[in-house]
PDB file of all heavy atoms in Angstrom:
ATOM      1  N   LYS A   1     -30.858 -25.828  -4.215  1.00  0.00           N
ATOM      2  CA  LYS A   1     -30.321 -26.122  -5.550  1.00  0.00           C
ATOM      3  C   LYS A   1     -28.836 -25.805  -5.668  1.00  0.00           C
ATOM      4  O   LYS A   1     -28.039 -26.641  -6.069  1.00  0.00           O
ATOM      5  CB  LYS A   1     -31.102 -25.407  -6.651  1.00  0.00           C
ATOM      6  CG  LYS A   1     -32.517 -25.910  -6.838  1.00  0.00           C
ATOM      7  CD  LYS A   1     -33.133 -25.291  -8.086  1.00  0.00           C
ATOM      8  CE  LYS A   1     -34.554 -25.799  -8.307  1.00  0.00           C
ATOM      9  NZ  LYS A   1     -35.159 -25.228  -9.524  1.00  0.00           N
ATOM     10  N   MET A   2     -28.472 -24.568  -5.348  1.00  0.00           N
ATOM     11  CA  MET A   2     -27.061 -24.185  -5.469  1.00  0.00           C
ATOM     12  C   MET A   2     -26.707 -23.159  -4.406  1.00  0.00           C
ATOM     13  O   MET A   2     -27.398 -22.158  -4.239  1.00  0.00           O
ATOM     14  CB  MET A   2     -26.766 -23.625  -6.864  1.00  0.00           C
ATOM     15  CG  MET A   2     -25.307 -23.247  -7.079  1.00  0.00           C
ATOM     16  SD  MET A   2     -24.963 -22.605  -8.737  1.00  0.00           S
ATOM     17  CE  MET A   2     -24.947 -24.117  -9.675  1.00  0.00           C
ATOM     18  N   ASP A   3     -25.633 -23.413  -3.687  1.00  0.00           N
ATOM     19  CA  ASP A   3     -25.162 -22.514  -2.640  1.00  0.00           C
ATOM     20  C   ASP A   3     -24.658 -21.203  -3.259  1.00  0.00           C
ATOM     21  O   ASP A   3     -24.141 -21.189  -4.380  1.00  0.00           O
ATOM     22  CB  ASP A   3     -24.024 -23.199  -1.875  1.00  0.00           C
ATOM     23  CG  ASP A   3     -23.493 -22.343  -0.752  1.00  0.00           C
ATOM     24  OD1 ASP A   3     -24.094 -22.359   0.335  1.00  0.00           O
ATOM     25  OD2 ASP A   3     -22.490 -21.650  -0.978  1.00  0.00           O
ATOM     26  N   GLY A   4     -24.812 -20.092  -2.525  1.00  0.00           N
ATOM     27  CA  GLY A   4     -24.392 -18.789  -3.034  1.00  0.00           C
ATOM     28  C   GLY A   4     -22.912 -18.716  -3.368  1.00  0.00           C
ATOM     29  O   GLY A   4     -22.515 -18.029  -4.320  1.00  0.00           O
ATOM     30  N   MET A   5     -22.079 -19.403  -2.599  1.00  0.00           N
ATOM     31  CA  MET A   5     -20.641 -19.423  -2.880  1.00  0.00           C
ATOM     32  C   MET A   5     -20.352 -20.125  -4.214  1.00  0.00           C
ATOM     33  O   MET A   5     -19.453 -19.721  -4.963  1.00  0.00           O
ATOM     34  CB  MET A   5     -19.881 -20.112  -1.746  1.00  0.00           C
ATOM     35  CG  MET A   5     -19.918 -19.363  -0.432  1.00  0.00           C
ATOM     36  SD  MET A   5     -19.104 -17.747  -0.540  1.00  0.00           S
ATOM     37  CE  MET A   5     -19.129 -17.270   1.189  1.00  0.00           C
ATOM     38  N   GLU A   6     -21.114 -21.156  -4.522  1.00  0.00           N
ATOM     39  CA  GLU A   6     -20.948 -21.844  -5.805  1.00  0.00           C
ATOM     40  C   GLU A   6     -21.361 -20.924  -6.956  1.00  0.00           C
ATOM     41  O   GLU A   6     -20.715 -20.881  -8.008  1.00  0.00           O
ATOM     42  CB  GLU A   6     -21.804 -23.112  -5.841  1.00  0.00           C
ATOM     43  CG  GLU A   6     -21.382 -24.195  -4.879  1.00  0.00           C
ATOM     44  CD  GLU A   6     -22.319 -25.394  -4.958  1.00  0.00           C
ATOM     45  OE1 GLU A   6     -22.139 -26.211  -5.880  1.00  0.00           O
ATOM     46  OE2 GLU A   6     -23.236 -25.484  -4.119  1.00  0.00           O
ATOM     47  N   VAL A   7     -22.459 -20.193  -6.737  1.00  0.00           N
ATOM     48  CA  VAL A   7     -22.908 -19.233  -7.753  1.00  0.00           C
ATOM     49  C   VAL A   7     -21.808 -18.200  -8.008  1.00  0.00           C
ATOM     50  O   VAL A   7     -21.490 -17.878  -9.158  1.00  0.00           O
ATOM     51  CB  VAL A   7     -24.204 -18.523  -7.312  1.00  0.00           C
ATOM     52  CG1 VAL A   7     -24.602 -17.460  -8.332  1.00  0.00           C
ATOM     53  CG2 VAL A   7     -25.329 -19.529  -7.130  1.00  0.00           C
ATOM     54  N   LEU A   8     -21.230 -17.688  -6.927  1.00  0.00           N
ATOM     55  CA  LEU A   8     -20.159 -16.694  -7.038  1.00  0.00           C
ATOM     56  C   LEU A   8     -18.990 -17.235  -7.861  1.00  0.00           C
ATOM     57  O   LEU A   8     -18.506 -16.585  -8.790  1.00  0.00           O
ATOM     58  CB  LEU A   8     -19.693 -16.303  -5.630  1.00  0.00           C
ATOM     59  CG  LEU A   8     -18.448 -15.409  -5.533  1.00  0.00           C
ATOM     60  CD1 LEU A   8     -18.735 -14.046  -6.159  1.00  0.00           C
ATOM     61  CD2 LEU A   8     -18.019 -15.255  -4.073  1.00  0.00           C
ATOM     62  N   THR A   9     -18.545 -18.446  -7.537  1.00  0.00           N
ATOM     63  CA  THR A   9     -17.396 -19.042  -8.230  1.00  0.00           C
ATOM     64  C   THR A   9     -17.676 -19.249  -9.708  1.00  0.00           C
ATOM     65  O   THR A   9     -16.863 -18.892 -10.568  1.00  0.00           O
ATOM     66  CB  THR A   9     -17.028 -20.394  -7.580  1.00  0.00           C
ATOM     67  OG1 THR A   9     -16.731 -20.176  -6.191  1.00  0.00           O
ATOM     68  CG2 THR A   9     -15.827 -21.023  -8.265  1.00  0.00           C
ATOM     69  N   GLU A  10     -18.842 -19.813 -10.030  1.00  0.00           N
ATOM     70  CA  GLU A  10     -19.164 -20.097 -11.435  1.00  0.00           C
ATOM     71  C   GLU A  10     -19.425 -18.813 -12.223  1.00  0.00           C
ATOM     72  O   GLU A  10     -19.059 -18.711 -13.392  1.00  0.00           O
ATOM     73  CB  GLU A  10     -20.373 -21.034 -11.517  1.00  0.00           C
ATOM     74  CG  GLU A  10     -20.075 -22.434 -11.000  1.00  0.00           C
ATOM     75  CD  GLU A  10     -21.121 -23.445 -11.460  1.00  0.00           C
ATOM     76  OE1 GLU A  10     -21.753 -23.207 -12.508  1.00  0.00           O
ATOM     77  OE2 GLU A  10     -21.286 -24.459 -10.761  1.00  0.00           O
ATOM     78  N   ALA A  11     -20.055 -17.834 -11.585  1.00  0.00           N
ATOM     79  CA  ALA A  11     -20.355 -16.578 -12.273  1.00  0.00           C
ATOM     80  C   ALA A  11     -19.073 -15.824 -12.626  1.00  0.00           C
ATOM     81  O   ALA A  11     -18.936 -15.289 -13.735  1.00  0.00           O
ATOM     82  CB  ALA A  11     -21.258 -15.702 -11.407  1.00  0.00           C
ATOM     83  N   LEU A  12     -18.120 -15.795 -11.684  1.00  0.00           N
ATOM     84  CA  LEU A  12     -16.875 -15.079 -11.941  1.00  0.00           C
ATOM     85  C   LEU A  12     -16.011 -15.805 -12.964  1.00  0.00           C
ATOM     86  O   LEU A  12     -15.153 -15.187 -13.610  1.00  0.00           O
ATOM     87  CB  LEU A  12     -16.099 -14.858 -10.641  1.00  0.00           C
ATOM     88  CG  LEU A  12     -16.767 -13.907  -9.636  1.00  0.00           C
ATOM     89  CD1 LEU A  12     -15.872 -13.677  -8.434  1.00  0.00           C
ATOM     90  CD2 LEU A  12     -17.116 -12.573 -10.285  1.00  0.00           C
ATOM     91  N   ALA A  13     -16.236 -17.106 -13.130  1.00  0.00           N
ATOM     92  CA  ALA A  13     -15.536 -17.832 -14.195  1.00  0.00           C
ATOM     93  C   ALA A  13     -16.075 -17.414 -15.562  1.00  0.00           C
ATOM     94  O   ALA A  13     -15.347 -17.411 -16.562  1.00  0.00           O
ATOM     95  CB  ALA A  13     -15.706 -19.335 -14.007  1.00  0.00           C
ATOM     96  N   ILE A  14     -17.354 -17.022 -15.595  1.00  0.00           N
ATOM     97  CA  ILE A  14     -17.980 -16.569 -16.857  1.00  0.00           C
ATOM     98  C   ILE A  14     -17.658 -15.095 -17.107  1.00  0.00           C
ATOM     99  O   ILE A  14     -17.249 -14.716 -18.197  1.00  0.00           O
ATOM    100  CB  ILE A  14     -19.503 -16.768 -16.801  1.00  0.00           C
ATOM    101  CG1 ILE A  14     -19.843 -18.248 -16.585  1.00  0.00           C
ATOM    102  CG2 ILE A  14     -20.175 -16.252 -18.072  1.00  0.00           C
ATOM    103  CD1 ILE A  14     -21.301 -18.483 -16.217  1.00  0.00           C
ATOM    104  N   LYS A  15     -17.859 -14.260 -16.071  1.00  0.00           N
ATOM    105  CA  LYS A  15     -17.616 -12.817 -16.181  1.00  0.00           C
ATOM    106  C   LYS A  15     -16.761 -12.368 -14.993  1.00  0.00           C
ATOM    107  O   LYS A  15     -17.289 -12.006 -13.938  1.00  0.00           O
ATOM    108  CB  LYS A  15     -18.946 -12.050 -16.201  1.00  0.00           C
ATOM    109  CG  LYS A  15     -19.814 -12.368 -17.413  1.00  0.00           C
ATOM    110  CD  LYS A  15     -21.100 -11.555 -17.419  1.00  0.00           C
ATOM    111  CE  LYS A  15     -21.941 -11.862 -18.660  1.00  0.00           C
ATOM    112  NZ  LYS A  15     -23.199 -11.097 -18.683  1.00  0.00           N
ATOM    113  N   PRO A  16     -15.439 -12.412 -15.145  1.00  0.00           N
ATOM    114  CA  PRO A  16     -14.531 -12.161 -14.023  1.00  0.00           C
ATOM    115  C   PRO A  16     -14.673 -10.800 -13.361  1.00  0.00           C
ATOM    116  O   PRO A  16     -14.336 -10.647 -12.192  1.00  0.00           O
ATOM    117  CB  PRO A  16     -13.137 -12.304 -14.671  1.00  0.00           C
ATOM    118  CG  PRO A  16     -13.356 -13.110 -15.900  1.00  0.00           C
ATOM    119  CD  PRO A  16     -14.716 -12.754 -16.381  1.00  0.00           C
ATOM    120  N   ASP A  17     -15.161  -9.792 -14.089  1.00  0.00           N
ATOM    121  CA  ASP A  17     -15.235  -8.438 -13.531  1.00  0.00           C
ATOM    122  C   ASP A  17     -16.610  -8.084 -12.969  1.00  0.00           C
ATOM    123  O   ASP A  17     -16.849  -6.928 -12.595  1.00  0.00           O
ATOM    124  CB  ASP A  17     -14.854  -7.413 -14.613  1.00  0.00           C
ATOM    125  CG  ASP A  17     -13.445  -7.622 -15.118  1.00  0.00           C
ATOM    126  OD1 ASP A  17     -12.593  -8.044 -14.325  1.00  0.00           O
ATOM    127  OD2 ASP A  17     -13.203  -7.369 -16.318  1.00  0.00           O
ATOM    128  N   LEU A  18     -17.520  -9.059 -12.919  1.00  0.00           N
ATOM    129  CA  LEU A  18     -18.879  -8.779 -12.438  1.00  0.00           C
ATOM    130  C   LEU A  18     -18.870  -8.600 -10.917  1.00  0.00           C
ATOM    131  O   LEU A  18     -18.504  -9.521 -10.181  1.00  0.00           O
ATOM    132  CB  LEU A  18     -19.808  -9.931 -12.825  1.00  0.00           C
ATOM    133  CG  LEU A  18     -21.288  -9.790 -12.447  1.00  0.00           C
ATOM    134  CD1 LEU A  18     -21.897  -8.563 -13.106  1.00  0.00           C
ATOM    135  CD2 LEU A  18     -22.058 -11.049 -12.850  1.00  0.00           C
ATOM    136  N   PRO A  19     -19.292  -7.429 -10.395  1.00  0.00           N
ATOM    137  CA  PRO A  19     -19.292  -7.211  -8.942  1.00  0.00           C
ATOM    138  C   PRO A  19     -20.395  -8.044  -8.254  1.00  0.00           C
ATOM    139  O   PRO A  19     -21.533  -8.073  -8.714  1.00  0.00           O
ATOM    140  CB  PRO A  19     -19.578  -5.717  -8.797  1.00  0.00           C
ATOM    141  CG  PRO A  19     -19.387  -5.127 -10.159  1.00  0.00           C
ATOM    142  CD  PRO A  19     -19.688  -6.211 -11.128  1.00  0.00           C
ATOM    143  N   PHE A  20     -20.028  -8.689  -7.155  1.00  0.00           N
ATOM    144  CA  PHE A  20     -20.958  -9.493  -6.356  1.00  0.00           C
ATOM    145  C   PHE A  20     -21.018  -8.933  -4.946  1.00  0.00           C
ATOM    146  O   PHE A  20     -19.986  -8.660  -4.336  1.00  0.00           O
ATOM    147  CB  PHE A  20     -20.470 -10.944  -6.277  1.00  0.00           C
ATOM    148  CG  PHE A  20     -21.202 -11.897  -7.183  1.00  0.00           C
ATOM    149  CD1 PHE A  20     -20.938 -11.910  -8.538  1.00  0.00           C
ATOM    150  CD2 PHE A  20     -22.144 -12.779  -6.670  1.00  0.00           C
ATOM    151  CE1 PHE A  20     -21.588 -12.793  -9.385  1.00  0.00           C
ATOM    152  CE2 PHE A  20     -22.808 -13.668  -7.505  1.00  0.00           C
ATOM    153  CZ  PHE A  20     -22.535 -13.678  -8.866  1.00  0.00           C
ATOM    154  N   ILE A  21     -22.246  -8.761  -4.436  1.00  0.00           N
ATOM    155  CA  ILE A  21     -22.447  -8.441  -3.018  1.00  0.00           C
ATOM    156  C   ILE A  21     -23.202  -9.615  -2.418  1.00  0.00           C
ATOM    157  O   ILE A  21     -24.320  -9.931  -2.842  1.00  0.00           O
ATOM    158  CB  ILE A  21     -23.251  -7.134  -2.840  1.00  0.00           C
ATOM    159  CG1 ILE A  21     -22.484  -5.942  -3.430  1.00  0.00           C
ATOM    160  CG2 ILE A  21     -23.545  -6.886  -1.357  1.00  0.00           C
ATOM    161  CD1 ILE A  21     -23.277  -4.637  -3.428  1.00  0.00           C
ATOM    162  N   MET A  22     -22.591 -10.276  -1.444  1.00  0.00           N
ATOM    163  CA  MET A  22     -23.205 -11.446  -0.815  1.00  0.00           C
ATOM    164  C   MET A  22     -24.059 -10.987   0.369  1.00  0.00           C
ATOM    165  O   MET A  22     -23.667 -10.087   1.122  1.00  0.00           O
ATOM    166  CB  MET A  22     -22.133 -12.433  -0.343  1.00  0.00           C
ATOM    167  CG  MET A  22     -21.118 -12.827  -1.412  1.00  0.00           C
ATOM    168  SD  MET A  22     -21.857 -13.498  -2.913  1.00  0.00           S
ATOM    169  CE  MET A  22     -22.514 -15.052  -2.297  1.00  0.00           C
ATOM    170  N   ILE A  23     -25.244 -11.600   0.527  1.00  0.00           N
ATOM    171  CA  ILE A  23     -26.134 -11.261   1.647  1.00  0.00           C
ATOM    172  C   ILE A  23     -26.543 -12.549   2.360  1.00  0.00           C
ATOM    173  O   ILE A  23     -26.725 -13.593   1.726  1.00  0.00           O
ATOM    174  CB  ILE A  23     -27.382 -10.504   1.163  1.00  0.00           C
ATOM    175  CG1 ILE A  23     -28.068 -11.233   0.007  1.00  0.00           C
ATOM    176  CG2 ILE A  23     -27.023  -9.088   0.740  1.00  0.00           C
ATOM    177  CD1 ILE A  23     -29.317 -10.548  -0.498  1.00  0.00           C
ATOM    178  N   SER A  24     -26.642 -12.475   3.687  1.00  0.00           N
ATOM    179  CA  SER A  24     -26.998 -13.683   4.439  1.00  0.00           C
ATOM    180  C   SER A  24     -27.565 -13.309   5.802  1.00  0.00           C
ATOM    181  O   SER A  24     -27.153 -12.319   6.412  1.00  0.00           O
ATOM    182  CB  SER A  24     -25.771 -14.574   4.623  1.00  0.00           C
ATOM    183  OG  SER A  24     -26.092 -15.698   5.424  1.00  0.00           O
ATOM    184  N   GLY A  25     -28.512 -14.124   6.255  1.00  0.00           N
ATOM    185  CA  GLY A  25     -29.075 -13.931   7.592  1.00  0.00           C
ATOM    186  C   GLY A  25     -28.267 -14.645   8.653  1.00  0.00           C
ATOM    187  O   GLY A  25     -28.568 -14.550   9.845  1.00  0.00           O
ATOM    188  N   HIS A  26     -27.250 -15.396   8.234  1.00  0.00           N
ATOM    189  CA  HIS A  26     -26.415 -16.157   9.181  1.00  0.00           C
ATOM    190  C   HIS A  26     -24.955 -15.770   8.996  1.00  0.00           C
ATOM    191  O   HIS A  26     -24.069 -16.608   8.942  1.00  0.00           O
ATOM    192  CB  HIS A  26     -26.594 -17.661   8.957  1.00  0.00           C
ATOM    193  CG  HIS A  26     -28.027 -18.101   8.904  1.00  0.00           C
ATOM    194  ND1 HIS A  26     -28.798 -18.245  10.043  1.00  0.00           N
ATOM    195  CD2 HIS A  26     -28.837 -18.378   7.850  1.00  0.00           C
ATOM    196  CE1 HIS A  26     -30.020 -18.625   9.683  1.00  0.00           C
ATOM    197  NE2 HIS A  26     -30.073 -18.704   8.364  1.00  0.00           N
ATOM    198  N   GLY A  27     -24.734 -14.461   8.876  1.00  0.00           N
ATOM    199  CA  GLY A  27     -23.399 -13.982   8.557  1.00  0.00           C
ATOM    200  C   GLY A  27     -22.428 -14.101   9.718  1.00  0.00           C
ATOM    201  O   GLY A  27     -22.770 -13.839  10.869  1.00  0.00           O
ATOM    202  N   THR A  28     -21.224 -14.505   9.404  1.00  0.00           N
ATOM    203  CA  THR A  28     -20.134 -14.558  10.362  1.00  0.00           C
ATOM    204  C   THR A  28     -18.900 -13.943   9.700  1.00  0.00           C
ATOM    205  O   THR A  28     -18.850 -13.753   8.481  1.00  0.00           O
ATOM    206  CB  THR A  28     -19.800 -16.001  10.767  1.00  0.00           C
ATOM    207  OG1 THR A  28     -19.343 -16.725   9.611  1.00  0.00           O
ATOM    208  CG2 THR A  28     -21.017 -16.696  11.363  1.00  0.00           C
ATOM    209  N   VAL A  29     -17.900 -13.655  10.522  1.00  0.00           N
ATOM    210  CA  VAL A  29     -16.659 -13.103   9.985  1.00  0.00           C
ATOM    211  C   VAL A  29     -16.027 -14.090   9.018  1.00  0.00           C
ATOM    212  O   VAL A  29     -15.524 -13.720   7.951  1.00  0.00           O
ATOM    213  CB  VAL A  29     -15.680 -12.769  11.129  1.00  0.00           C
ATOM    214  CG1 VAL A  29     -14.325 -12.348  10.563  1.00  0.00           C
ATOM    215  CG2 VAL A  29     -16.249 -11.674  12.017  1.00  0.00           C
ATOM    216  N   GLU A  30     -16.080 -15.380   9.370  1.00  0.00           N
ATOM    217  CA  GLU A  30     -15.478 -16.411   8.523  1.00  0.00           C
ATOM    218  C   GLU A  30     -16.149 -16.453   7.152  1.00  0.00           C
ATOM    219  O   GLU A  30     -15.487 -16.578   6.113  1.00  0.00           O
ATOM    220  CB  GLU A  30     -15.584 -17.783   9.196  1.00  0.00           C
ATOM    221  CG  GLU A  30     -14.703 -17.979  10.411  1.00  0.00           C
ATOM    222  CD  GLU A  30     -15.248 -17.281  11.651  1.00  0.00           C
ATOM    223  OE1 GLU A  30     -16.438 -16.856  11.618  1.00  0.00           O
ATOM    224  OE2 GLU A  30     -14.495 -17.128  12.624  1.00  0.00           O
ATOM    225  N   THR A  31     -17.475 -16.311   7.145  1.00  0.00           N
ATOM    226  CA  THR A  31     -18.218 -16.328   5.880  1.00  0.00           C
ATOM    227  C   THR A  31     -17.854 -15.128   5.025  1.00  0.00           C
ATOM    228  O   THR A  31     -17.654 -15.247   3.809  1.00  0.00           O
ATOM    229  CB  THR A  31     -19.735 -16.306   6.143  1.00  0.00           C
ATOM    230  OG1 THR A  31     -20.072 -17.360   7.040  1.00  0.00           O
ATOM    231  CG2 THR A  31     -20.508 -16.481   4.858  1.00  0.00           C
ATOM    232  N   ALA A  32     -17.753 -13.965   5.648  1.00  0.00           N
ATOM    233  CA  ALA A  32     -17.401 -12.749   4.920  1.00  0.00           C
ATOM    234  C   ALA A  32     -16.004 -12.862   4.311  1.00  0.00           C
ATOM    235  O   ALA A  32     -15.777 -12.473   3.163  1.00  0.00           O
ATOM    236  CB  ALA A  32     -17.480 -11.536   5.844  1.00  0.00           C
ATOM    237  N   VAL A  33     -15.064 -13.403   5.078  1.00  0.00           N
ATOM    238  CA  VAL A  33     -13.694 -13.565   4.592  1.00  0.00           C
ATOM    239  C   VAL A  33     -13.658 -14.528   3.414  1.00  0.00           C
ATOM    240  O   VAL A  33     -12.988 -14.287   2.403  1.00  0.00           O
ATOM    241  CB  VAL A  33     -12.767 -14.058   5.722  1.00  0.00           C
ATOM    242  CG1 VAL A  33     -11.406 -14.473   5.167  1.00  0.00           C
ATOM    243  CG2 VAL A  33     -12.601 -12.977   6.781  1.00  0.00           C
ATOM    244  N   GLU A  34     -14.406 -15.636   3.554  1.00  0.00           N
ATOM    245  CA  GLU A  34     -14.433 -16.625   2.478  1.00  0.00           C
ATOM    246  C   GLU A  34     -15.014 -16.014   1.198  1.00  0.00           C
ATOM    247  O   GLU A  34     -14.497 -16.245   0.098  1.00  0.00           O
ATOM    248  CB  GLU A  34     -15.273 -17.836   2.891  1.00  0.00           C
ATOM    249  CG  GLU A  34     -15.278 -18.937   1.833  1.00  0.00           C
ATOM    250  CD  GLU A  34     -16.217 -20.072   2.178  1.00  0.00           C
ATOM    251  OE1 GLU A  34     -16.812 -20.054   3.278  1.00  0.00           O
ATOM    252  OE2 GLU A  34     -16.364 -20.980   1.328  1.00  0.00           O
ATOM    253  N   ALA A  35     -16.079 -15.214   1.349  1.00  0.00           N
ATOM    254  CA  ALA A  35     -16.697 -14.574   0.183  1.00  0.00           C
ATOM    255  C   ALA A  35     -15.715 -13.621  -0.498  1.00  0.00           C
ATOM    256  O   ALA A  35     -15.612 -13.574  -1.730  1.00  0.00           O
ATOM    257  CB  ALA A  35     -17.957 -13.830   0.599  1.00  0.00           C
ATOM    258  N   SER A  36     -14.968 -12.872   0.307  1.00  0.00           N
ATOM    259  CA  SER A  36     -13.987 -11.935  -0.246  1.00  0.00           C
ATOM    260  C   SER A  36     -12.884 -12.675  -0.990  1.00  0.00           C
ATOM    261  O   SER A  36     -12.449 -12.248  -2.064  1.00  0.00           O
ATOM    262  CB  SER A  36     -13.376 -11.080   0.863  1.00  0.00           C
ATOM    263  OG  SER A  36     -14.371 -10.279   1.475  1.00  0.00           O
ATOM    264  N   LYS A  37     -12.435 -13.778  -0.427  1.00  0.00           N
ATOM    265  CA  LYS A  37     -11.383 -14.564  -1.073  1.00  0.00           C
ATOM    266  C   LYS A  37     -11.842 -15.116  -2.420  1.00  0.00           C
ATOM    267  O   LYS A  37     -11.062 -15.256  -3.356  1.00  0.00           O
ATOM    268  CB  LYS A  37     -10.947 -15.711  -0.168  1.00  0.00           C
ATOM    269  CG  LYS A  37     -10.067 -15.282   1.005  1.00  0.00           C
ATOM    270  CD  LYS A  37      -9.633 -16.491   1.826  1.00  0.00           C
ATOM    271  CE  LYS A  37      -8.709 -16.069   2.955  1.00  0.00           C
ATOM    272  NZ  LYS A  37      -8.271 -17.244   3.770  1.00  0.00           N
ATOM    273  N   LYS A  38     -13.128 -15.425  -2.519  1.00  0.00           N
ATOM    274  CA  LYS A  38     -13.663 -15.972  -3.764  1.00  0.00           C
ATOM    275  C   LYS A  38     -13.970 -14.894  -4.804  1.00  0.00           C
ATOM    276  O   LYS A  38     -14.340 -15.200  -5.934  1.00  0.00           O
ATOM    277  CB  LYS A  38     -14.928 -16.782  -3.472  1.00  0.00           C
ATOM    278  CG  LYS A  38     -14.663 -18.122  -2.796  1.00  0.00           C
ATOM    279  CD  LYS A  38     -15.945 -18.885  -2.570  1.00  0.00           C
ATOM    280  CE  LYS A  38     -15.693 -20.248  -1.953  1.00  0.00           C
ATOM    281  NZ  LYS A  38     -15.038 -21.166  -2.912  1.00  0.00           N
ATOM    282  N   GLY A  39     -13.820 -13.614  -4.399  1.00  0.00           N
ATOM    283  CA  GLY A  39     -13.987 -12.538  -5.362  1.00  0.00           C
ATOM    284  C   GLY A  39     -15.172 -11.623  -5.141  1.00  0.00           C
ATOM    285  O   GLY A  39     -15.438 -10.738  -5.964  1.00  0.00           O
TER     286      GLY A  39
END
């Protein structure tokens, strides 16, 4: 339905100070960096 990165982007647009911890079974350094850049 919706990718976690999309959820992160839309959620922070609603509540900019809401802390997000991303979890994944296919984690890579690139994914972690991208998540950090998105907030």
